[in-house]
C-alpha atoms as a PDB file:
ATOM      1  CA  UNK A   1     -10.401  -2.903   6.343  1.00  0.00           C
ATOM      2  CA  UNK A   2     -13.519  -4.878   5.496  1.00  0.00           C
ATOM      3  CA  UNK A   3     -14.522  -7.654   3.127  1.00  0.00           C
ATOM      4  CA  UNK A   4     -11.749  -8.163   0.570  1.00  0.00           C
ATOM      5  CA  UNK A   5     -13.126 -11.357  -0.982  1.00  0.00           C
ATOM      6  CA  UNK A   6     -13.630  -9.728  -4.404  1.00  0.00           C
ATOM      7  CA  UNK A   7      -9.983  -8.657  -4.482  1.00  0.00           C
ATOM      8  CA  UNK A   8      -8.697 -12.202  -3.970  1.00  0.00           C
ATOM      9  CA  UNK A   9     -10.007 -13.421  -7.324  1.00  0.00           C
ATOM     10  CA  UNK A  10      -6.958 -12.223  -9.256  1.00  0.00           C
ATOM     11  CA  UNK A  11      -3.505 -13.439  -8.148  1.00  0.00           C
ATOM     12  CA  UNK A  12      -1.157 -10.659  -7.062  1.00  0.00           C
ATOM     13  CA  UNK A  13       1.451 -12.172  -9.360  1.00  0.00           C
ATOM     14  CA  UNK A  14      -0.705 -10.943 -12.278  1.00  0.00           C
ATOM     15  CA  UNK A  15      -0.441  -7.273 -11.245  1.00  0.00           C
ATOM     16  CA  UNK A  16       1.508  -5.115 -13.659  1.00  0.00           C
ATOM     17  CA  UNK A  17       2.909  -1.714 -12.684  1.00  0.00           C
ATOM     18  CA  UNK A  18       1.664   0.870 -15.196  1.00  0.00           C
ATOM     19  CA  UNK A  19       2.771   4.049 -13.442  1.00  0.00           C
ATOM     20  CA  UNK A  20       3.646   5.818 -10.255  1.00  0.00           C
ATOM     21  CA  UNK A  21       2.701   8.823  -8.231  1.00  0.00           C
ATOM     22  CA  UNK A  22       3.437  12.250  -9.719  1.00  0.00           C
ATOM     23  CA  UNK A  23       4.348  13.659  -6.301  1.00  0.00           C
ATOM     24  CA  UNK A  24       7.680  11.829  -6.131  1.00  0.00           C
ATOM     25  CA  UNK A  25       6.641   9.289  -3.518  1.00  0.00           C
ATOM     26  CA  UNK A  26       7.315   5.592  -3.914  1.00  0.00           C
ATOM     27  CA  UNK A  27       3.784   4.473  -4.862  1.00  0.00           C
ATOM     28  CA  UNK A  28       2.730   2.157  -7.690  1.00  0.00           C
ATOM     29  CA  UNK A  29      -0.275   2.237 -10.033  1.00  0.00           C
ATOM     30  CA  UNK A  30      -1.570  -1.097 -11.306  1.00  0.00           C
ATOM     31  CA  UNK A  31      -4.249   0.486 -13.497  1.00  0.00           C
ATOM     32  CA  UNK A  32      -4.390   3.833 -15.275  1.00  0.00           C
ATOM     33  CA  UNK A  33      -5.850   6.385 -12.836  1.00  0.00           C
ATOM     34  CA  UNK A  34      -5.349   3.905  -9.988  1.00  0.00           C
ATOM     35  CA  UNK A  35      -6.552   6.353  -7.345  1.00  0.00           C
ATOM     36  CA  UNK A  36      -9.706   7.613  -9.058  1.00  0.00           C
ATOM     37  CA  UNK A  37     -12.761   6.147  -7.319  1.00  0.00           C
ATOM     38  CA  UNK A  38     -10.681   3.628  -5.368  1.00  0.00           C
ATOM     39  CA  UNK A  39     -11.152   2.732  -1.709  1.00  0.00           C
ATOM     40  CA  UNK A  40      -8.705   1.474   0.888  1.00  0.00           C
ATOM     41  CA  UNK A  41      -8.781  -2.318   1.046  1.00  0.00           C
ATOM     42  CA  UNK A  42      -5.756  -2.877   3.308  1.00  0.00           C
ATOM     43  CA  UNK A  43      -3.459  -0.762   5.469  1.00  0.00           C
ATOM     44  CA  UNK A  44      -0.292  -1.955   7.195  1.00  0.00           C
ATOM     45  CA  UNK A  45       2.908  -0.610   8.670  1.00  0.00           C
ATOM     46  CA  UNK A  46       6.375  -1.600   7.612  1.00  0.00           C
ATOM     47  CA  UNK A  47       8.497  -1.454  10.750  1.00  0.00           C
ATOM     48  CA  UNK A  48      12.215  -0.936  10.196  1.00  0.00           C
ATOM     49  CA  UNK A  49      14.993  -0.350  12.735  1.00  0.00           C
ATOM     50  CA  UNK A  50      15.211   3.235  11.446  1.00  0.00           C
ATOM     51  CA  UNK A  51      11.509   4.108  11.116  1.00  0.00           C
ATOM     52  CA  UNK A  52       8.016   3.344   9.871  1.00  0.00           C
ATOM     53  CA  UNK A  53       6.385   3.296   6.469  1.00  0.00           C
ATOM     54  CA  UNK A  54       2.645   3.073   5.865  1.00  0.00           C
ATOM     55  CA  UNK A  55       1.498   0.814   3.010  1.00  0.00           C
ATOM     56  CA  UNK A  56      -2.045   1.385   1.801  1.00  0.00           C
ATOM     57  CA  UNK A  57      -3.561  -0.919  -0.794  1.00  0.00           C
ATOM     58  CA  UNK A  58      -6.340   0.645  -2.882  1.00  0.00           C
ATOM     59  CA  UNK A  59      -8.928  -1.083  -5.040  1.00  0.00           C
ATOM     60  CA  UNK A  60     -11.937  -0.486  -7.239  1.00  0.00           C
ATOM     61  CA  UNK A  61     -14.526  -2.902  -8.672  1.00  0.00           C
ATOM     62  CA  UNK A  62     -12.704  -6.006  -7.406  1.00  0.00           C
ATOM     63  CA  UNK A  63      -9.338  -4.947  -8.869  1.00  0.00           C
ATOM     64  CA  UNK A  64      -6.266  -3.855  -6.915  1.00  0.00           C
ATOM     65  CA  UNK A  65      -5.429  -0.455  -8.423  1.00  0.00           C
ATOM     66  CA  UNK A  66      -2.710   1.214  -6.389  1.00  0.00           C
ATOM     67  CA  UNK A  67      -0.147   0.612  -3.659  1.00  0.00           C
ATOM     68  CA  UNK A  68       0.510   3.823  -1.775  1.00  0.00           C
ATOM     69  CA  UNK A  69       3.768   3.932   0.181  1.00  0.00           C
ATOM     70  CA  UNK A  70       3.870   6.719   2.772  1.00  0.00           C
ATOM     71  CA  UNK A  71       7.206   7.483   4.424  1.00  0.00           C
ATOM     72  CA  UNK A  72       6.657   9.732   7.428  1.00  0.00           C
ATOM     73  CA  UNK A  73      10.317  10.747   7.409  1.00  0.00           C
ATOM     74  CA  UNK A  74      11.236  12.595   4.181  1.00  0.00           C
ATOM     75  CA  UNK A  75      14.843  11.436   4.632  1.00  0.00           C
ATOM     76  CA  UNK A  76      13.857   7.762   4.784  1.00  0.00           C
ATOM     77  CA  UNK A  77      15.285   5.506   2.097  1.00  0.00           C
ATOM     78  CA  UNK A  78      12.784   4.501  -0.591  1.00  0.00           C
ATOM     79  CA  UNK A  79      12.226   0.783  -0.178  1.00  0.00           C
ATOM     80  CA  UNK A  80       9.564  -1.884  -0.283  1.00  0.00           C
ATOM     81  CA  UNK A  81       9.283  -4.029   2.816  1.00  0.00           C
ATOM     82  CA  UNK A  82       9.707  -7.734   3.211  1.00  0.00           C
ATOM     83  CA  UNK A  83       6.685  -9.652   4.531  1.00  0.00           C
ATOM     84  CA  UNK A  84       8.472  -9.968   7.895  1.00  0.00           C
ATOM     85  CA  UNK A  85       8.538  -6.138   8.186  1.00  0.00           C
ATOM     86  CA  UNK A  86       4.733  -5.788   8.007  1.00  0.00           C
ATOM     87  CA  UNK A  87       2.572  -5.158  11.066  1.00  0.00           C
ATOM     88  CA  UNK A  88      -0.966  -4.028  11.621  1.00  0.00           C
ATOM     89  CA  UNK A  89      -1.347  -0.665  13.297  1.00  0.00           C
ATOM     90  CA  UNK A  90      -2.714  -2.457  16.352  1.00  0.00           C
ATOM     91  CA  UNK A  91       0.245  -4.875  16.535  1.00  0.00           C
ATOM     92  CA  UNK A  92       2.549  -1.880  16.635  1.00  0.00           C
ATOM     93  CA  UNK A  93       0.483  -0.093  19.293  1.00  0.00           C
ATOM     94  CA  UNK A  94      -0.321   2.833  16.983  1.00  0.00           C
ATOM     95  CA  UNK A  95      -3.542   4.526  16.010  1.00  0.00           C
ATOM     96  CA  UNK A  96      -4.085   5.068  12.303  1.00  0.00           C
ATOM     97  CA  UNK A  97      -3.398   8.686  11.331  1.00  0.00           C
END
């Protein structure tokens, strides 16, 4: 999604979940107001035998702020993917919505 060099300064192991989305989705905030002023720094699909989930990583000022998990099927189980489940949109032959 562009240059992510600034976001690689802090190890992901240091991220602490401080909240979640108020809409009932399965997203995680790593900073208070994680969405405010943030931009997309990465976007990938989780491909499961029973469907797709979109994972969008948001950041602001060199800090990862929010992981948005978008299930396109409202009946899909709420889950976080394994690394082996992740694909780029292009690898899956999809156009980004």
